[in-house]
């Protein structure tokens, strides 16, 4: 998949529907994650997926992607951005009745709060 990285945009746009676009973005994101490289690229791709999933009104998947994004930001020391992602995920869960999503997002926010209390 990564040998096509330079043509990712072209592949995304060639899809005839949002489901196909999501599949292409997911494939590139997973490839980067499996190789444990390109963290910044994973963040960019996952951010695009968040927007696309919202457009598709797949709010549970959008919330899960936001929580994943929050965890990625946390590992890079971007606590403010992570908190925004977890809060958006929590809000989606609350708005649409996805208790497990709301709980996962709250756990992410709690982990951030615990880290802030630890000496660095």
Foldseek 3Di string as FASTA:
>chain_A
DVVCVVCLVVQLVPDPDLVSNLVSLVVVLVVCVVVPDDLVVNLVSLVVNLVSCVVVVVLLVSLVSLQVSLVSCVVVVNNVSSLVSLVVSLVSCVVVVPVVSNVSSVVSVVVSVVVVVDDD
